[in-house]
Amino acid sequence: MSLLIDSVIQENANKNLVLDFEGSNDFGLARYYSSFGSIEHVYLHLKKNTLPFPVRLFKR
């Protein structure tokens, strides 16, 4: 896997592209991806509960 990722990075190093590692909550995987020079980027998440009123009270 490391050879594949490294190969893609080397082939596209002179292009203005972004390689998205798709993120993970797994610390070990995040550390592995950071070894390729990746940076952490936090995306906000918004959830809206549109269930009817009585049901909304029980679903979180």
PDB file of N, CA and C in Angstrom:
ATOM      1  N   MET A   1       0.823  -1.182   0.000  1.00  0.00           N
ATOM      2  CA  MET A   1       0.000   0.000   0.000  1.00  0.00           C
ATOM      3  C   MET A   1       0.875   1.257   0.000  1.00  0.00           C
ATOM      4  N   SER A   2       1.931   1.226   0.778  1.00  0.00           N
ATOM      5  CA  SER A   2       2.825   2.380   0.840  1.00  0.00           C
ATOM      6  C   SER A   2       3.445   2.673  -0.516  1.00  0.00           C
ATOM      7  N   LEU A   3       3.804   1.629  -1.245  1.00  0.00           N
ATOM      8  CA  LEU A   3       4.403   1.823  -2.565  1.00  0.00           C
ATOM      9  C   LEU A   3       3.404   2.431  -3.545  1.00  0.00           C
ATOM     10  N   LEU A   4       2.145   2.016  -3.467  1.00  0.00           N
ATOM     11  CA  LEU A   4       1.119   2.574  -4.342  1.00  0.00           C
ATOM     12  C   LEU A   4       0.902   4.060  -4.062  1.00  0.00           C
ATOM     13  N   ILE A   5       0.753   4.396  -2.805  1.00  0.00           N
ATOM     14  CA  ILE A   5       0.532   5.798  -2.425  1.00  0.00           C
ATOM     15  C   ILE A   5       1.733   6.642  -2.818  1.00  0.00           C
ATOM     16  N   ASP A   6       2.924   6.152  -2.530  1.00  0.00           N
ATOM     17  CA  ASP A   6       4.137   6.881  -2.868  1.00  0.00           C
ATOM     18  C   ASP A   6       4.251   7.067  -4.379  1.00  0.00           C
ATOM     19  N   SER A   7       3.895   6.055  -5.142  1.00  0.00           N
ATOM     20  CA  SER A   7       3.943   6.142  -6.598  1.00  0.00           C
ATOM     21  C   SER A   7       2.991   7.214  -7.130  1.00  0.00           C
ATOM     22  N   VAL A   8       1.777   7.250  -6.605  1.00  0.00           N
ATOM     23  CA  VAL A   8       0.802   8.270  -7.024  1.00  0.00           C
ATOM     24  C   VAL A   8       1.309   9.666  -6.682  1.00  0.00           C
ATOM     25  N   ILE A   9       1.886   9.813  -5.515  1.00  0.00           N
ATOM     26  CA  ILE A   9       2.420  11.113  -5.102  1.00  0.00           C
ATOM     27  C   ILE A   9       3.554  11.541  -6.026  1.00  0.00           C
ATOM     28  N   GLN A  10       4.474  10.639  -6.332  1.00  0.00           N
ATOM     29  CA  GLN A  10       5.609  10.975  -7.188  1.00  0.00           C
ATOM     30  C   GLN A  10       5.177  11.310  -8.614  1.00  0.00           C
ATOM     31  N   GLU A  11       4.210  10.564  -9.140  1.00  0.00           N
ATOM     32  CA  GLU A  11       3.747  10.807 -10.507  1.00  0.00           C
ATOM     33  C   GLU A  11       3.035  12.148 -10.654  1.00  0.00           C
ATOM     34  N   ASN A  12       2.429  12.618  -9.588  1.00  0.00           N
ATOM     35  CA  ASN A  12       1.624  13.840  -9.660  1.00  0.00           C
ATOM     36  C   ASN A  12       2.202  14.997  -8.857  1.00  0.00           C
ATOM     37  N   ALA A  13       3.452  14.884  -8.467  1.00  0.00           N
ATOM     38  CA  ALA A  13       4.066  15.903  -7.612  1.00  0.00           C
ATOM     39  C   ALA A  13       4.149  17.270  -8.279  1.00  0.00           C
ATOM     40  N   ASN A  14       4.288  17.307  -9.587  1.00  0.00           N
ATOM     41  CA  ASN A  14       4.431  18.592 -10.270  1.00  0.00           C
ATOM     42  C   ASN A  14       3.090  19.162 -10.740  1.00  0.00           C
ATOM     43  N   LYS A  15       1.986  18.525 -10.379  1.00  0.00           N
ATOM     44  CA  LYS A  15       0.651  18.991 -10.761  1.00  0.00           C
ATOM     45  C   LYS A  15      -0.042  19.619  -9.552  1.00  0.00           C
ATOM     46  N   ASN A  16      -0.968  20.505  -9.818  1.00  0.00           N
ATOM     47  CA  ASN A  16      -1.718  21.167  -8.750  1.00  0.00           C
ATOM     48  C   ASN A  16      -2.940  20.325  -8.392  1.00  0.00           C
ATOM     49  N   LEU A  17      -2.705  19.202  -7.722  1.00  0.00           N
ATOM     50  CA  LEU A  17      -3.766  18.273  -7.346  1.00  0.00           C
ATOM     51  C   LEU A  17      -3.786  18.070  -5.830  1.00  0.00           C
ATOM     52  N   VAL A  18      -4.916  17.578  -5.343  1.00  0.00           N
ATOM     53  CA  VAL A  18      -5.053  17.253  -3.920  1.00  0.00           C
ATOM     54  C   VAL A  18      -5.302  15.759  -3.805  1.00  0.00           C
ATOM     55  N   LEU A  19      -4.539  15.092  -2.975  1.00  0.00           N
ATOM     56  CA  LEU A  19      -4.744  13.670  -2.708  1.00  0.00           C
ATOM     57  C   LEU A  19      -5.507  13.560  -1.397  1.00  0.00           C
ATOM     58  N   ASP A  20      -6.747  13.119  -1.493  1.00  0.00           N
ATOM     59  CA  ASP A  20      -7.609  13.014  -0.310  1.00  0.00           C
ATOM     60  C   ASP A  20      -7.471  11.621   0.274  1.00  0.00           C
ATOM     61  N   PHE A  21      -6.967  11.533   1.500  1.00  0.00           N
ATOM     62  CA  PHE A  21      -6.775  10.239   2.156  1.00  0.00           C
ATOM     63  C   PHE A  21      -8.048   9.716   2.802  1.00  0.00           C
ATOM     64  N   GLU A  22      -9.162  10.439   2.669  1.00  0.00           N
ATOM     65  CA  GLU A  22     -10.477  10.035   3.146  1.00  0.00           C
ATOM     66  C   GLU A  22     -10.607   9.962   4.667  1.00  0.00           C
ATOM     67  N   GLY A  23      -9.595  10.280   5.391  1.00  0.00           N
ATOM     68  CA  GLY A  23      -9.677  10.411   6.839  1.00  0.00           C
ATOM     69  C   GLY A  23     -10.062   9.150   7.585  1.00  0.00           C
ATOM     70  N   SER A  24      -9.877   9.201   8.874  1.00  0.00           N
ATOM     71  CA  SER A  24     -10.223   8.081   9.736  1.00  0.00           C
ATOM     72  C   SER A  24     -10.179   8.540  11.182  1.00  0.00           C
ATOM     73  N   ASN A  25     -11.014   7.939  12.010  1.00  0.00           N
ATOM     74  CA  ASN A  25     -10.963   8.192  13.450  1.00  0.00           C
ATOM     75  C   ASN A  25      -9.956   7.268  14.124  1.00  0.00           C
ATOM     76  N   ASP A  26      -9.372   6.387  13.352  1.00  0.00           N
ATOM     77  CA  ASP A  26      -8.366   5.455  13.861  1.00  0.00           C
ATOM     78  C   ASP A  26      -7.023   6.171  13.950  1.00  0.00           C
ATOM     79  N   PHE A  27      -6.473   6.289  15.154  1.00  0.00           N
ATOM     80  CA  PHE A  27      -5.226   7.015  15.361  1.00  0.00           C
ATOM     81  C   PHE A  27      -4.079   6.418  14.562  1.00  0.00           C
ATOM     82  N   GLY A  28      -3.992   5.099  14.523  1.00  0.00           N
ATOM     83  CA  GLY A  28      -2.901   4.439  13.811  1.00  0.00           C
ATOM     84  C   GLY A  28      -2.945   4.720  12.319  1.00  0.00           C
ATOM     85  N   LEU A  29      -4.130   4.707  11.737  1.00  0.00           N
ATOM     86  CA  LEU A  29      -4.275   4.992  10.317  1.00  0.00           C
ATOM     87  C   LEU A  29      -3.974   6.450  10.014  1.00  0.00           C
ATOM     88  N   ALA A  30      -4.428   7.341  10.884  1.00  0.00           N
ATOM     89  CA  ALA A  30      -4.133   8.768  10.712  1.00  0.00           C
ATOM     90  C   ALA A  30      -2.625   9.011  10.777  1.00  0.00           C
ATOM     91  N   ARG A  31      -1.949   8.336  11.686  1.00  0.00           N
ATOM     92  CA  ARG A  31      -0.489   8.480  11.803  1.00  0.00           C
ATOM     93  C   ARG A  31       0.215   7.946  10.553  1.00  0.00           C
ATOM     94  N   TYR A  32      -0.296   6.843  10.023  1.00  0.00           N
ATOM     95  CA  TYR A  32       0.269   6.262   8.793  1.00  0.00           C
ATOM     96  C   TYR A  32       0.147   7.257   7.639  1.00  0.00           C
ATOM     97  N   TYR A  33      -1.041   7.848   7.469  1.00  0.00           N
ATOM     98  CA  TYR A  33      -1.243   8.816   6.391  1.00  0.00           C
ATOM     99  C   TYR A  33      -0.396  10.070   6.599  1.00  0.00           C
ATOM    100  N   SER A  34      -0.191  10.464   7.846  1.00  0.00           N
ATOM    101  CA  SER A  34       0.615  11.661   8.096  1.00  0.00           C
ATOM    102  C   SER A  34       2.075  11.439   7.698  1.00  0.00           C
ATOM    103  N   SER A  35       2.501  10.174   7.614  1.00  0.00           N
ATOM    104  CA  SER A  35       3.878   9.895   7.206  1.00  0.00           C
ATOM    105  C   SER A  35       4.112  10.279   5.742  1.00  0.00           C
ATOM    106  N   PHE A  36       3.047  10.484   4.972  1.00  0.00           N
ATOM    107  CA  PHE A  36       3.171  10.927   3.583  1.00  0.00           C
ATOM    108  C   PHE A  36       3.092  12.445   3.469  1.00  0.00           C
ATOM    109  N   GLY A  37       3.029  13.125   4.598  1.00  0.00           N
ATOM    110  CA  GLY A  37       2.984  14.581   4.576  1.00  0.00           C
ATOM    111  C   GLY A  37       1.575  15.143   4.609  1.00  0.00           C
ATOM    112  N   SER A  38       0.591  14.309   4.917  1.00  0.00           N
ATOM    113  CA  SER A  38      -0.787  14.800   4.961  1.00  0.00           C
ATOM    114  C   SER A  38      -0.982  15.720   6.162  1.00  0.00           C
ATOM    115  N   ILE A  39      -1.988  16.566   6.084  1.00  0.00           N
ATOM    116  CA  ILE A  39      -2.339  17.440   7.199  1.00  0.00           C
ATOM    117  C   ILE A  39      -3.785  17.163   7.596  1.00  0.00           C
ATOM    118  N   GLU A  40      -4.066  17.333   8.861  1.00  0.00           N
ATOM    119  CA  GLU A  40      -5.412  17.081   9.370  1.00  0.00           C
ATOM    120  C   GLU A  40      -6.314  18.254   9.031  1.00  0.00           C
ATOM    121  N   HIS A  41      -7.498  17.932   8.555  1.00  0.00           N
ATOM    122  CA  HIS A  41      -8.494  18.955   8.252  1.00  0.00           C
ATOM    123  C   HIS A  41      -9.821  18.478   8.832  1.00  0.00           C
ATOM    124  N   VAL A  42     -10.406  19.264   9.716  1.00  0.00           N
ATOM    125  CA  VAL A  42     -11.652  18.887  10.383  1.00  0.00           C
ATOM    126  C   VAL A  42     -12.832  19.430   9.590  1.00  0.00           C
ATOM    127  N   TYR A  43     -13.796  18.559   9.298  1.00  0.00           N
ATOM    128  CA  TYR A  43     -15.021  18.948   8.620  1.00  0.00           C
ATOM    129  C   TYR A  43     -16.156  18.931   9.631  1.00  0.00           C
ATOM    130  N   LEU A  44     -16.927  19.989   9.645  1.00  0.00           N
ATOM    131  CA  LEU A  44     -18.058  20.064  10.551  1.00  0.00           C
ATOM    132  C   LEU A  44     -19.206  19.224  10.016  1.00  0.00           C
ATOM    133  N   HIS A  45     -20.033  18.749  10.938  1.00  0.00           N
ATOM    134  CA  HIS A  45     -21.147  17.879  10.580  1.00  0.00           C
ATOM    135  C   HIS A  45     -22.396  18.402  11.268  1.00  0.00           C
ATOM    136  N   LEU A  46     -23.460  18.568  10.531  1.00  0.00           N
ATOM    137  CA  LEU A  46     -24.716  19.073  11.080  1.00  0.00           C
ATOM    138  C   LEU A  46     -25.788  18.029  10.867  1.00  0.00           C
ATOM    139  N   LYS A  47     -26.516  17.702  11.929  1.00  0.00           N
ATOM    140  CA  LYS A  47     -27.606  16.749  11.842  1.00  0.00           C
ATOM    141  C   LYS A  47     -28.902  17.470  12.190  1.00  0.00           C
ATOM    142  N   LYS A  48     -29.932  17.250  11.399  1.00  0.00           N
ATOM    143  CA  LYS A  48     -31.230  17.864  11.654  1.00  0.00           C
ATOM    144  C   LYS A  48     -32.259  16.757  11.804  1.00  0.00           C
ATOM    145  N   ASN A  49     -32.958  16.759  12.919  1.00  0.00           N
ATOM    146  CA  ASN A  49     -33.971  15.755  13.191  1.00  0.00           C
ATOM    147  C   ASN A  49     -35.306  16.266  12.668  1.00  0.00           C
ATOM    148  N   THR A  50     -35.838  15.642  11.628  1.00  0.00           N
ATOM    149  CA  THR A  50     -37.098  16.067  11.028  1.00  0.00           C
ATOM    150  C   THR A  50     -38.251  15.114  11.340  1.00  0.00           C
ATOM    151  N   LEU A  51     -38.070  14.282  12.341  1.00  0.00           N
ATOM    152  CA  LEU A  51     -39.143  13.377  12.734  1.00  0.00           C
ATOM    153  C   LEU A  51     -40.285  14.165  13.372  1.00  0.00           C
ATOM    154  N   PRO A  52     -41.500  13.616  13.360  1.00  0.00           N
ATOM    155  CA  PRO A  52     -42.624  14.294  14.018  1.00  0.00           C
ATOM    156  C   PRO A  52     -42.340  14.496  15.505  1.00  0.00           C
ATOM    157  N   PHE A  53     -42.980  15.504  16.100  1.00  0.00           N
ATOM    158  CA  PHE A  53     -42.685  15.908  17.455  1.00  0.00           C
ATOM    159  C   PHE A  53     -42.614  14.781  18.491  1.00  0.00           C
ATOM    160  N   PRO A  54     -43.613  13.933  18.642  1.00  0.00           N
ATOM    161  CA  PRO A  54     -43.496  12.935  19.734  1.00  0.00           C
ATOM    162  C   PRO A  54     -42.346  11.963  19.528  1.00  0.00           C
ATOM    163  N   VAL A  55     -42.089  11.589  18.288  1.00  0.00           N
ATOM    164  CA  VAL A  55     -41.008  10.636  18.003  1.00  0.00           C
ATOM    165  C   VAL A  55     -39.648  11.307  18.179  1.00  0.00           C
ATOM    166  N   ARG A  56     -39.563  12.591  17.848  1.00  0.00           N
ATOM    167  CA  ARG A  56     -38.312  13.350  17.940  1.00  0.00           C
ATOM    168  C   ARG A  56     -37.744  13.338  19.350  1.00  0.00           C
ATOM    169  N   LEU A  57     -38.602  13.251  20.363  1.00  0.00           N
ATOM    170  CA  LEU A  57     -38.157  13.277  21.747  1.00  0.00           C
ATOM    171  C   LEU A  57     -37.331  12.023  22.097  1.00  0.00           C
ATOM    172  N   PHE A  58     -37.585  10.916  21.400  1.00  0.00           N
ATOM    173  CA  PHE A  58     -36.908   9.663  21.729  1.00  0.00           C
ATOM    174  C   PHE A  58     -35.709   9.354  20.836  1.00  0.00           C
ATOM    175  N   LYS A  59     -35.642  10.000  19.696  1.00  0.00           N
ATOM    176  CA  LYS A  59     -34.534   9.766  18.761  1.00  0.00           C
ATOM    177  C   LYS A  59     -33.487  10.860  18.898  1.00  0.00           C
ATOM    178  N   ARG A  60     -32.232  10.503  19.128  1.00  0.00           N
ATOM    179  CA  ARG A  60     -31.155  11.488  19.237  1.00  0.00           C
ATOM    180  C   ARG A  60     -30.073  11.167  18.293  1.00  0.00           C
TER     181      ARG A  60
END
